[in-house]
PDB file of all heavy atoms in Angstrom:
ATOM      1  N   ASP A   1       1.958  -3.164  -8.836  1.00  0.00           N
ATOM      2  CA  ASP A   1       0.617  -3.184  -9.395  1.00  0.00           C
ATOM      3  C   ASP A   1      -0.300  -3.988  -8.469  1.00  0.00           C
ATOM      4  O   ASP A   1      -0.172  -5.178  -8.400  1.00  0.00           O
ATOM      5  CB  ASP A   1       0.618  -3.793 -10.800  1.00  0.00           C
ATOM      6  CG  ASP A   1      -0.762  -3.818 -11.434  1.00  0.00           C
ATOM      7  OD1 ASP A   1      -1.751  -3.519 -10.771  1.00  0.00           O
ATOM      8  OD2 ASP A   1      -0.815  -4.127 -12.639  1.00  0.00           O
ATOM      9  N   LEU A   2      -1.159  -3.278  -7.750  1.00  0.00           N
ATOM     10  CA  LEU A   2      -2.141  -3.901  -6.923  1.00  0.00           C
ATOM     11  C   LEU A   2      -3.531  -3.601  -7.418  1.00  0.00           C
ATOM     12  O   LEU A   2      -4.502  -3.685  -6.635  1.00  0.00           O
ATOM     13  CB  LEU A   2      -2.017  -3.415  -5.443  1.00  0.00           C
ATOM     14  CG  LEU A   2      -0.700  -3.760  -4.767  1.00  0.00           C
ATOM     15  CD1 LEU A   2      -0.668  -3.179  -3.347  1.00  0.00           C
ATOM     16  CD2 LEU A   2      -0.468  -5.262  -4.674  1.00  0.00           C
ATOM     17  N   SER A   3      -3.675  -3.351  -8.705  1.00  0.00           N
ATOM     18  CA  SER A   3      -4.966  -2.936  -9.257  1.00  0.00           C
ATOM     19  C   SER A   3      -6.087  -3.972  -9.040  1.00  0.00           C
ATOM     20  O   SER A   3      -7.256  -3.599  -8.959  1.00  0.00           O
ATOM     21  CB  SER A   3      -4.818  -2.600 -10.736  1.00  0.00           C
ATOM     22  OG  SER A   3      -4.314  -3.712 -11.462  1.00  0.00           O
ATOM     23  N   GLY A   4      -5.746  -5.246  -8.903  1.00  0.00           N
ATOM     24  CA  GLY A   4      -6.705  -6.276  -8.729  1.00  0.00           C
ATOM     25  C   GLY A   4      -7.131  -6.459  -7.268  1.00  0.00           C
ATOM     26  O   GLY A   4      -8.044  -7.179  -6.967  1.00  0.00           O
ATOM     27  N   ASP A   5      -6.363  -5.796  -6.379  1.00  0.00           N
ATOM     28  CA  ASP A   5      -6.586  -6.031  -4.943  1.00  0.00           C
ATOM     29  C   ASP A   5      -7.205  -4.851  -4.183  1.00  0.00           C
ATOM     30  O   ASP A   5      -7.636  -4.997  -3.080  1.00  0.00           O
ATOM     31  CB  ASP A   5      -5.273  -6.352  -4.263  1.00  0.00           C
ATOM     32  CG  ASP A   5      -4.633  -7.596  -4.774  1.00  0.00           C
ATOM     33  OD1 ASP A   5      -5.392  -8.533  -5.158  1.00  0.00           O
ATOM     34  OD2 ASP A   5      -3.375  -7.650  -4.851  1.00  0.00           O
ATOM     35  N   VAL A   6      -7.158  -3.662  -4.796  1.00  0.00           N
ATOM     36  CA  VAL A   6      -7.586  -2.422  -4.077  1.00  0.00           C
ATOM     37  C   VAL A   6      -8.927  -1.909  -4.522  1.00  0.00           C
ATOM     38  O   VAL A   6      -9.343  -2.169  -5.657  1.00  0.00           O
ATOM     39  CB  VAL A   6      -6.517  -1.334  -4.236  1.00  0.00           C
ATOM     40  CG1 VAL A   6      -5.141  -1.804  -3.784  1.00  0.00           C
ATOM     41  CG2 VAL A   6      -6.462  -0.776  -5.602  1.00  0.00           C
ATOM     42  N   SER A   7      -9.524  -1.142  -3.630  1.00  0.00           N
ATOM     43  CA  SER A   7     -10.737  -0.429  -3.994  1.00  0.00           C
ATOM     44  C   SER A   7     -10.425   0.632  -5.023  1.00  0.00           C
ATOM     45  O   SER A   7      -9.457   1.377  -4.815  1.00  0.00           O
ATOM     46  CB  SER A   7     -11.327   0.270  -2.711  1.00  0.00           C
ATOM     47  OG  SER A   7     -12.172   1.316  -3.097  1.00  0.00           O
ATOM     48  N   GLN A   8     -11.079   0.611  -6.121  1.00  0.00           N
ATOM     49  CA  GLN A   8     -10.789   1.570  -7.176  1.00  0.00           C
ATOM     50  C   GLN A   8     -11.141   3.027  -6.771  1.00  0.00           C
ATOM     51  O   GLN A   8     -10.743   3.950  -7.430  1.00  0.00           O
ATOM     52  CB  GLN A   8     -11.441   1.153  -8.458  1.00  0.00           C
ATOM     53  CG  GLN A   8     -10.942  -0.119  -8.987  1.00  0.00           C
ATOM     54  CD  GLN A   8      -9.443  -0.108  -9.329  1.00  0.00           C
ATOM     55  OE1 GLN A   8      -8.969   0.719 -10.047  1.00  0.00           O
ATOM     56  NE2 GLN A   8      -8.672  -1.055  -8.784  1.00  0.00           N
ATOM     57  N   MET A   9     -11.934   3.134  -5.701  1.00  0.00           N
ATOM     58  CA  MET A   9     -12.273   4.466  -5.211  1.00  0.00           C
ATOM     59  C   MET A   9     -11.088   5.127  -4.528  1.00  0.00           C
ATOM     60  O   MET A   9     -10.877   6.301  -4.597  1.00  0.00           O
ATOM     61  CB  MET A   9     -13.483   4.402  -4.338  1.00  0.00           C
ATOM     62  CG  MET A   9     -13.976   5.719  -3.803  1.00  0.00           C
ATOM     63  SD  MET A   9     -15.427   5.439  -2.827  1.00  0.00           S
ATOM     64  CE  MET A   9     -15.465   6.958  -1.933  1.00  0.00           C
ATOM     65  N   GLU A  10     -10.370   4.292  -3.679  1.00  0.00           N
ATOM     66  CA  GLU A  10      -9.326   4.814  -2.890  1.00  0.00           C
ATOM     67  C   GLU A  10      -7.891   4.496  -3.357  1.00  0.00           C
ATOM     68  O   GLU A  10      -6.970   5.205  -3.071  1.00  0.00           O
ATOM     69  CB  GLU A  10      -9.488   4.402  -1.465  1.00  0.00           C
ATOM     70  CG  GLU A  10     -10.722   5.000  -0.811  1.00  0.00           C
ATOM     71  CD  GLU A  10     -10.870   4.762   0.603  1.00  0.00           C
ATOM     72  OE1 GLU A  10      -9.906   4.325   1.237  1.00  0.00           O
ATOM     73  OE2 GLU A  10     -11.968   4.992   1.153  1.00  0.00           O
ATOM     74  N   GLY A  11      -7.787   3.338  -4.021  1.00  0.00           N
ATOM     75  CA  GLY A  11      -6.429   2.992  -4.501  1.00  0.00           C
ATOM     76  C   GLY A  11      -5.479   2.814  -3.370  1.00  0.00           C
ATOM     77  O   GLY A  11      -5.732   2.210  -2.321  1.00  0.00           O
ATOM     78  N   ILE A  12      -4.275   3.350  -3.555  1.00  0.00           N
ATOM     79  CA  ILE A  12      -3.215   3.309  -2.534  1.00  0.00           C
ATOM     80  C   ILE A  12      -2.971   4.761  -2.061  1.00  0.00           C
ATOM     81  O   ILE A  12      -2.341   5.526  -2.695  1.00  0.00           O
ATOM     82  CB  ILE A  12      -1.881   2.735  -3.126  1.00  0.00           C
ATOM     83  CG1 ILE A  12      -2.124   1.340  -3.685  1.00  0.00           C
ATOM     84  CG2 ILE A  12      -0.787   2.714  -2.090  1.00  0.00           C
ATOM     85  CD1 ILE A  12      -0.926   0.800  -4.478  1.00  0.00           C
ATOM     86  N   PRO A  13      -3.584   5.129  -0.930  1.00  0.00           N
ATOM     87  CA  PRO A  13      -3.431   6.481  -0.481  1.00  0.00           C
ATOM     88  C   PRO A  13      -2.122   6.856   0.146  1.00  0.00           C
ATOM     89  O   PRO A  13      -1.769   8.042   0.247  1.00  0.00           O
ATOM     90  CB  PRO A  13      -4.581   6.642   0.498  1.00  0.00           C
ATOM     91  CG  PRO A  13      -4.890   5.297   0.994  1.00  0.00           C
ATOM     92  CD  PRO A  13      -4.534   4.361  -0.121  1.00  0.00           C
ATOM     93  N   SER A  14      -1.324   5.825   0.567  1.00  0.00           N
ATOM     94  CA  SER A  14      -0.063   6.200   1.222  1.00  0.00           C
ATOM     95  C   SER A  14       0.992   5.126   1.077  1.00  0.00           C
ATOM     96  O   SER A  14       0.704   3.910   1.032  1.00  0.00           O
ATOM     97  CB  SER A  14      -0.377   6.434   2.723  1.00  0.00           C
ATOM     98  OG  SER A  14       0.688   7.104   3.305  1.00  0.00           O
ATOM     99  N   LEU A  15       2.191   5.629   1.005  1.00  0.00           N
ATOM    100  CA  LEU A  15       3.446   4.780   0.780  1.00  0.00           C
ATOM    101  C   LEU A  15       4.469   5.365   1.695  1.00  0.00           C
ATOM    102  O   LEU A  15       4.609   6.617   1.748  1.00  0.00           O
ATOM    103  CB  LEU A  15       3.837   4.834  -0.690  1.00  0.00           C
ATOM    104  CG  LEU A  15       5.251   4.457  -1.083  1.00  0.00           C
ATOM    105  CD1 LEU A  15       5.476   2.958  -0.904  1.00  0.00           C
ATOM    106  CD2 LEU A  15       5.508   4.879  -2.510  1.00  0.00           C
ATOM    107  N   ALA A  16       5.219   4.529   2.374  1.00  0.00           N
ATOM    108  CA  ALA A  16       6.285   5.062   3.252  1.00  0.00           C
ATOM    109  C   ALA A  16       7.520   4.121   3.167  1.00  0.00           C
ATOM    110  O   ALA A  16       7.445   2.919   3.205  1.00  0.00           O
ATOM    111  CB  ALA A  16       5.819   5.125   4.725  1.00  0.00           C
ATOM    112  N   PHE A  17       8.670   4.814   3.056  1.00  0.00           N
ATOM    113  CA  PHE A  17       9.953   4.118   3.043  1.00  0.00           C
ATOM    114  C   PHE A  17      10.610   4.357   4.359  1.00  0.00           C
ATOM    115  O   PHE A  17      10.827   5.530   4.798  1.00  0.00           O
ATOM    116  CB  PHE A  17      10.863   4.711   1.918  1.00  0.00           C
ATOM    117  CG  PHE A  17      10.327   4.406   0.525  1.00  0.00           C
ATOM    118  CD1 PHE A  17       9.612   5.408  -0.105  1.00  0.00           C
ATOM    119  CD2 PHE A  17      10.566   3.205  -0.084  1.00  0.00           C
ATOM    120  CE1 PHE A  17       9.123   5.148  -1.376  1.00  0.00           C
ATOM    121  CE2 PHE A  17      10.111   2.955  -1.375  1.00  0.00           C
ATOM    122  CZ  PHE A  17       9.353   3.947  -2.008  1.00  0.00           C
ATOM    123  N   PRO A  18      11.091   3.290   5.072  1.00  0.00           N
ATOM    124  CA  PRO A  18      11.812   3.529   6.330  1.00  0.00           C
ATOM    125  C   PRO A  18      13.157   4.117   6.085  1.00  0.00           C
ATOM    126  O   PRO A  18      13.719   4.105   4.968  1.00  0.00           O
ATOM    127  CB  PRO A  18      11.932   2.075   6.881  1.00  0.00           C
ATOM    128  CG  PRO A  18      11.836   1.208   5.735  1.00  0.00           C
ATOM    129  CD  PRO A  18      10.986   1.928   4.676  1.00  0.00           C
ATOM    130  N   PRO A  19      13.729   4.716   7.106  1.00  0.00           N
ATOM    131  CA  PRO A  19      15.054   5.379   6.967  1.00  0.00           C
ATOM    132  C   PRO A  19      16.160   4.408   6.457  1.00  0.00           C
ATOM    133  O   PRO A  19      17.058   4.865   5.775  1.00  0.00           O
ATOM    134  CB  PRO A  19      15.406   5.888   8.418  1.00  0.00           C
ATOM    135  CG  PRO A  19      14.067   5.934   9.089  1.00  0.00           C
ATOM    136  CD  PRO A  19      13.194   4.885   8.439  1.00  0.00           C
ATOM    137  N   ASP A  20      16.013   3.120   6.702  1.00  0.00           N
ATOM    138  CA  ASP A  20      17.047   2.123   6.339  1.00  0.00           C
ATOM    139  C   ASP A  20      16.586   1.362   5.005  1.00  0.00           C
ATOM    140  O   ASP A  20      17.081   0.300   4.785  1.00  0.00           O
ATOM    141  CB  ASP A  20      17.336   1.153   7.450  1.00  0.00           C
ATOM    142  CG  ASP A  20      16.133   0.404   7.923  1.00  0.00           C
ATOM    143  OD1 ASP A  20      14.970   0.709   7.509  1.00  0.00           O
ATOM    144  OD2 ASP A  20      16.255  -0.515   8.753  1.00  0.00           O
ATOM    145  N   TYR A  21      15.746   1.983   4.210  1.00  0.00           N
ATOM    146  CA  TYR A  21      15.320   1.365   2.975  1.00  0.00           C
ATOM    147  C   TYR A  21      16.521   0.954   2.039  1.00  0.00           C
ATOM    148  O   TYR A  21      16.480  -0.095   1.437  1.00  0.00           O
ATOM    149  CB  TYR A  21      14.380   2.251   2.204  1.00  0.00           C
ATOM    150  CG  TYR A  21      13.928   1.719   0.830  1.00  0.00           C
ATOM    151  CD1 TYR A  21      13.040   0.739   0.698  1.00  0.00           C
ATOM    152  CD2 TYR A  21      14.558   2.191  -0.357  1.00  0.00           C
ATOM    153  CE1 TYR A  21      12.578   0.230  -0.515  1.00  0.00           C
ATOM    154  CE2 TYR A  21      14.175   1.726  -1.581  1.00  0.00           C
ATOM    155  CZ  TYR A  21      13.199   0.693  -1.636  1.00  0.00           C
ATOM    156  OH  TYR A  21      12.851   0.211  -2.889  1.00  0.00           O
ATOM    157  N   ALA A  22      17.524   1.732   2.027  1.00  0.00           N
ATOM    158  CA  ALA A  22      18.688   1.544   1.143  1.00  0.00           C
ATOM    159  C   ALA A  22      19.357   0.170   1.484  1.00  0.00           C
ATOM    160  O   ALA A  22      19.899  -0.510   0.621  1.00  0.00           O
ATOM    161  CB  ALA A  22      19.657   2.628   1.218  1.00  0.00           C
ATOM    162  N   THR A  23      19.271  -0.248   2.738  1.00  0.00           N
ATOM    163  CA  THR A  23      19.934  -1.484   3.158  1.00  0.00           C
ATOM    164  C   THR A  23      18.961  -2.673   3.258  1.00  0.00           C
ATOM    165  O   THR A  23      19.390  -3.848   3.075  1.00  0.00           O
ATOM    166  CB  THR A  23      20.612  -1.358   4.547  1.00  0.00           C
ATOM    167  OG1 THR A  23      19.706  -0.915   5.537  1.00  0.00           O
ATOM    168  CG2 THR A  23      21.778  -0.324   4.406  1.00  0.00           C
ATOM    169  N   ASN A  24      17.653  -2.429   3.558  1.00  0.00           N
ATOM    170  CA  ASN A  24      16.720  -3.581   3.671  1.00  0.00           C
ATOM    171  C   ASN A  24      15.740  -3.726   2.598  1.00  0.00           C
ATOM    172  O   ASN A  24      15.034  -4.781   2.503  1.00  0.00           O
ATOM    173  CB  ASN A  24      16.114  -3.553   5.101  1.00  0.00           C
ATOM    174  CG  ASN A  24      15.148  -2.487   5.296  1.00  0.00           C
ATOM    175  OD1 ASN A  24      14.569  -1.915   4.357  1.00  0.00           O
ATOM    176  ND2 ASN A  24      14.856  -2.175   6.535  1.00  0.00           N
ATOM    177  N   GLY A  25      15.457  -2.679   1.813  1.00  0.00           N
ATOM    178  CA  GLY A  25      14.522  -2.731   0.704  1.00  0.00           C
ATOM    179  C   GLY A  25      13.079  -2.967   1.045  1.00  0.00           C
ATOM    180  O   GLY A  25      12.259  -3.253   0.221  1.00  0.00           O
ATOM    181  N   ARG A  26      12.740  -2.706   2.336  1.00  0.00           N
ATOM    182  CA  ARG A  26      11.335  -2.851   2.791  1.00  0.00           C
ATOM    183  C   ARG A  26      10.651  -1.497   2.609  1.00  0.00           C
ATOM    184  O   ARG A  26      11.259  -0.471   2.769  1.00  0.00           O
ATOM    185  CB  ARG A  26      11.268  -3.236   4.206  1.00  0.00           C
ATOM    186  CG  ARG A  26      11.930  -4.557   4.564  1.00  0.00           C
ATOM    187  CD  ARG A  26      11.792  -4.962   6.016  1.00  0.00           C
ATOM    188  NE  ARG A  26      11.808  -3.833   6.904  1.00  0.00           N
ATOM    189  CZ  ARG A  26      11.349  -3.854   8.164  1.00  0.00           C
ATOM    190  NH1 ARG A  26      10.846  -4.961   8.624  1.00  0.00           N
ATOM    191  NH2 ARG A  26      11.411  -2.793   8.918  1.00  0.00           N
ATOM    192  N   PHE A  27       9.362  -1.594   2.330  1.00  0.00           N
ATOM    193  CA  PHE A  27       8.477  -0.375   2.269  1.00  0.00           C
ATOM    194  C   PHE A  27       7.124  -0.737   2.664  1.00  0.00           C
ATOM    195  O   PHE A  27       6.767  -1.944   2.744  1.00  0.00           O
ATOM    196  CB  PHE A  27       8.547   0.341   0.940  1.00  0.00           C
ATOM    197  CG  PHE A  27       7.985  -0.474  -0.204  1.00  0.00           C
ATOM    198  CD1 PHE A  27       6.664  -0.267  -0.616  1.00  0.00           C
ATOM    199  CD2 PHE A  27       8.702  -1.414  -0.869  1.00  0.00           C
ATOM    200  CE1 PHE A  27       6.164  -1.026  -1.614  1.00  0.00           C
ATOM    201  CE2 PHE A  27       8.215  -2.159  -1.914  1.00  0.00           C
ATOM    202  CZ  PHE A  27       6.893  -1.962  -2.305  1.00  0.00           C
ATOM    203  N   PHE A  28       6.264   0.220   2.921  1.00  0.00           N
ATOM    204  CA  PHE A  28       4.920   0.031   3.517  1.00  0.00           C
ATOM    205  C   PHE A  28       3.907   0.804   2.736  1.00  0.00           C
ATOM    206  O   PHE A  28       4.138   1.932   2.262  1.00  0.00           O
ATOM    207  CB  PHE A  28       4.917   0.412   4.971  1.00  0.00           C
ATOM    208  CG  PHE A  28       5.943  -0.345   5.808  1.00  0.00           C
ATOM    209  CD1 PHE A  28       7.233   0.048   5.879  1.00  0.00           C
ATOM    210  CD2 PHE A  28       5.527  -1.512   6.434  1.00  0.00           C
ATOM    211  CE1 PHE A  28       8.180  -0.679   6.554  1.00  0.00           C
ATOM    212  CE2 PHE A  28       6.475  -2.262   7.196  1.00  0.00           C
ATOM    213  CZ  PHE A  28       7.815  -1.814   7.236  1.00  0.00           C
ATOM    214  N   ILE A  29       2.719   0.196   2.569  1.00  0.00           N
ATOM    215  CA  ILE A  29       1.621   0.863   1.937  1.00  0.00           C
ATOM    216  C   ILE A  29       0.330   0.631   2.817  1.00  0.00           C
ATOM    217  O   ILE A  29       0.273  -0.290   3.518  1.00  0.00           O
ATOM    218  CB  ILE A  29       1.313   0.411   0.521  1.00  0.00           C
ATOM    219  CG1 ILE A  29       0.816  -1.049   0.490  1.00  0.00           C
ATOM    220  CG2 ILE A  29       2.535   0.535  -0.338  1.00  0.00           C
ATOM    221  CD1 ILE A  29       0.020  -1.421  -0.718  1.00  0.00           C
ATOM    222  N   ILE A  30      -0.629   1.537   2.568  1.00  0.00           N
ATOM    223  CA  ILE A  30      -2.002   1.376   3.087  1.00  0.00           C
ATOM    224  C   ILE A  30      -2.887   1.267   1.871  1.00  0.00           C
ATOM    225  O   ILE A  30      -2.703   1.991   0.850  1.00  0.00           O
ATOM    226  CB  ILE A  30      -2.421   2.533   3.974  1.00  0.00           C
ATOM    227  CG1 ILE A  30      -1.739   2.490   5.256  1.00  0.00           C
ATOM    228  CG2 ILE A  30      -3.919   2.564   4.149  1.00  0.00           C
ATOM    229  CD1 ILE A  30      -2.102   3.636   6.223  1.00  0.00           C
ATOM    230  N   HIS A  31      -3.902   0.395   1.949  1.00  0.00           N
ATOM    231  CA  HIS A  31      -4.914   0.433   0.906  1.00  0.00           C
ATOM    232  C   HIS A  31      -6.221  -0.191   1.493  1.00  0.00           C
ATOM    233  O   HIS A  31      -6.204  -0.909   2.531  1.00  0.00           O
ATOM    234  CB  HIS A  31      -4.496  -0.351  -0.355  1.00  0.00           C
ATOM    235  CG  HIS A  31      -4.580  -1.853  -0.307  1.00  0.00           C
ATOM    236  ND1 HIS A  31      -5.812  -2.516  -0.509  1.00  0.00           N
ATOM    237  CD2 HIS A  31      -3.637  -2.791  -0.056  1.00  0.00           C
ATOM    238  CE1 HIS A  31      -5.584  -3.836  -0.418  1.00  0.00           C
ATOM    239  NE2 HIS A  31      -4.278  -4.031  -0.151  1.00  0.00           N
ATOM    240  N   LYS A  32      -7.324   0.095   0.836  1.00  0.00           N
ATOM    241  CA  LYS A  32      -8.606  -0.552   1.188  1.00  0.00           C
ATOM    242  C   LYS A  32      -9.033  -1.452   0.040  1.00  0.00           C
ATOM    243  O   LYS A  32      -8.871  -1.081  -1.129  1.00  0.00           O
ATOM    244  CB  LYS A  32      -9.624   0.536   1.420  1.00  0.00           C
ATOM    245  CG  LYS A  32     -10.870  -0.035   2.072  1.00  0.00           C
ATOM    246  CD  LYS A  32     -11.782   1.110   2.596  1.00  0.00           C
ATOM    247  CE  LYS A  32     -12.787   1.473   1.578  1.00  0.00           C
ATOM    248  NZ  LYS A  32     -13.796   2.477   2.033  1.00  0.00           N
ATOM    249  N   ASP A  33      -9.498  -2.624   0.382  1.00  0.00           N
ATOM    250  CA  ASP A  33      -9.908  -3.570  -0.702  1.00  0.00           C
ATOM    251  C   ASP A  33     -11.386  -3.354  -1.081  1.00  0.00           C
ATOM    252  O   ASP A  33     -12.038  -2.514  -0.485  1.00  0.00           O
ATOM    253  CB  ASP A  33      -9.601  -5.004  -0.289  1.00  0.00           C
ATOM    254  CG  ASP A  33     -10.409  -5.529   0.901  1.00  0.00           C
ATOM    255  OD1 ASP A  33     -11.488  -5.004   1.179  1.00  0.00           O
ATOM    256  OD2 ASP A  33      -9.954  -6.438   1.601  1.00  0.00           O
ATOM    257  N   ALA A  34     -11.846  -4.106  -2.057  1.00  0.00           N
ATOM    258  CA  ALA A  34     -13.193  -3.930  -2.552  1.00  0.00           C
ATOM    259  C   ALA A  34     -14.248  -4.332  -1.547  1.00  0.00           C
ATOM    260  O   ALA A  34     -15.430  -3.945  -1.623  1.00  0.00           O
ATOM    261  CB  ALA A  34     -13.377  -4.756  -3.794  1.00  0.00           C
ATOM    262  N   SER A  35     -13.861  -5.048  -0.532  1.00  0.00           N
ATOM    263  CA  SER A  35     -14.807  -5.456   0.628  1.00  0.00           C
ATOM    264  C   SER A  35     -14.767  -4.478   1.739  1.00  0.00           C
ATOM    265  O   SER A  35     -15.262  -4.775   2.814  1.00  0.00           O
ATOM    266  CB  SER A  35     -14.479  -6.832   1.076  1.00  0.00           C
ATOM    267  OG  SER A  35     -14.657  -7.776   0.012  1.00  0.00           O
ATOM    268  N   ASP A  36     -14.117  -3.331   1.586  1.00  0.00           N
ATOM    269  CA  ASP A  36     -13.997  -2.262   2.605  1.00  0.00           C
ATOM    270  C   ASP A  36     -13.152  -2.617   3.805  1.00  0.00           C
ATOM    271  O   ASP A  36     -13.281  -2.109   4.863  1.00  0.00           O
ATOM    272  CB  ASP A  36     -15.383  -1.802   3.070  1.00  0.00           C
ATOM    273  CG  ASP A  36     -16.157  -1.081   2.000  1.00  0.00           C
ATOM    274  OD1 ASP A  36     -15.523  -0.442   1.139  1.00  0.00           O
ATOM    275  OD2 ASP A  36     -17.412  -1.106   1.966  1.00  0.00           O
ATOM    276  N   PHE A  37     -12.224  -3.491   3.625  1.00  0.00           N
ATOM    277  CA  PHE A  37     -11.216  -3.784   4.644  1.00  0.00           C
ATOM    278  C   PHE A  37      -9.948  -2.988   4.374  1.00  0.00           C
ATOM    279  O   PHE A  37      -9.494  -2.971   3.204  1.00  0.00           O
ATOM    280  CB  PHE A  37     -10.794  -5.268   4.692  1.00  0.00           C
ATOM    281  CG  PHE A  37     -11.831  -6.134   5.374  1.00  0.00           C
ATOM    282  CD1 PHE A  37     -12.937  -6.662   4.685  1.00  0.00           C
ATOM    283  CD2 PHE A  37     -11.682  -6.440   6.713  1.00  0.00           C
ATOM    284  CE1 PHE A  37     -13.832  -7.495   5.323  1.00  0.00           C
ATOM    285  CE2 PHE A  37     -12.605  -7.264   7.364  1.00  0.00           C
ATOM    286  CZ  PHE A  37     -13.704  -7.763   6.645  1.00  0.00           C
ATOM    287  N   SER A  38      -9.430  -2.299   5.369  1.00  0.00           N
ATOM    288  CA  SER A  38      -8.141  -1.561   5.187  1.00  0.00           C
ATOM    289  C   SER A  38      -6.992  -2.486   5.565  1.00  0.00           C
ATOM    290  O   SER A  38      -7.157  -3.360   6.449  1.00  0.00           O
ATOM    291  CB  SER A  38      -8.123  -0.337   6.139  1.00  0.00           C
ATOM    292  OG  SER A  38      -8.917   0.707   5.615  1.00  0.00           O
ATOM    293  N   HIS A  39      -5.884  -2.284   4.914  1.00  0.00           N
ATOM    294  CA  HIS A  39      -4.721  -3.121   5.021  1.00  0.00           C
ATOM    295  C   HIS A  39      -3.468  -2.255   5.171  1.00  0.00           C
ATOM    296  O   HIS A  39      -3.329  -1.238   4.463  1.00  0.00           O
ATOM    297  CB  HIS A  39      -4.461  -3.998   3.817  1.00  0.00           C
ATOM    298  CG  HIS A  39      -5.582  -4.912   3.512  1.00  0.00           C
ATOM    299  ND1 HIS A  39      -5.631  -6.237   3.898  1.00  0.00           N
ATOM    300  CD2 HIS A  39      -6.778  -4.666   2.823  1.00  0.00           C
ATOM    301  CE1 HIS A  39      -6.741  -6.815   3.506  1.00  0.00           C
ATOM    302  NE2 HIS A  39      -7.470  -5.913   2.850  1.00  0.00           N
TER     303      HIS A  39
END
């Protein structure tokens, strides 16, 4: 839940799991905040 951190217009447009997610549990997202910065 990143509802307090993201631009409500764009939300979380993308999510990616690396091939080794099963062993390392890492994942990645892109979002834009309310101040128009992308992360």
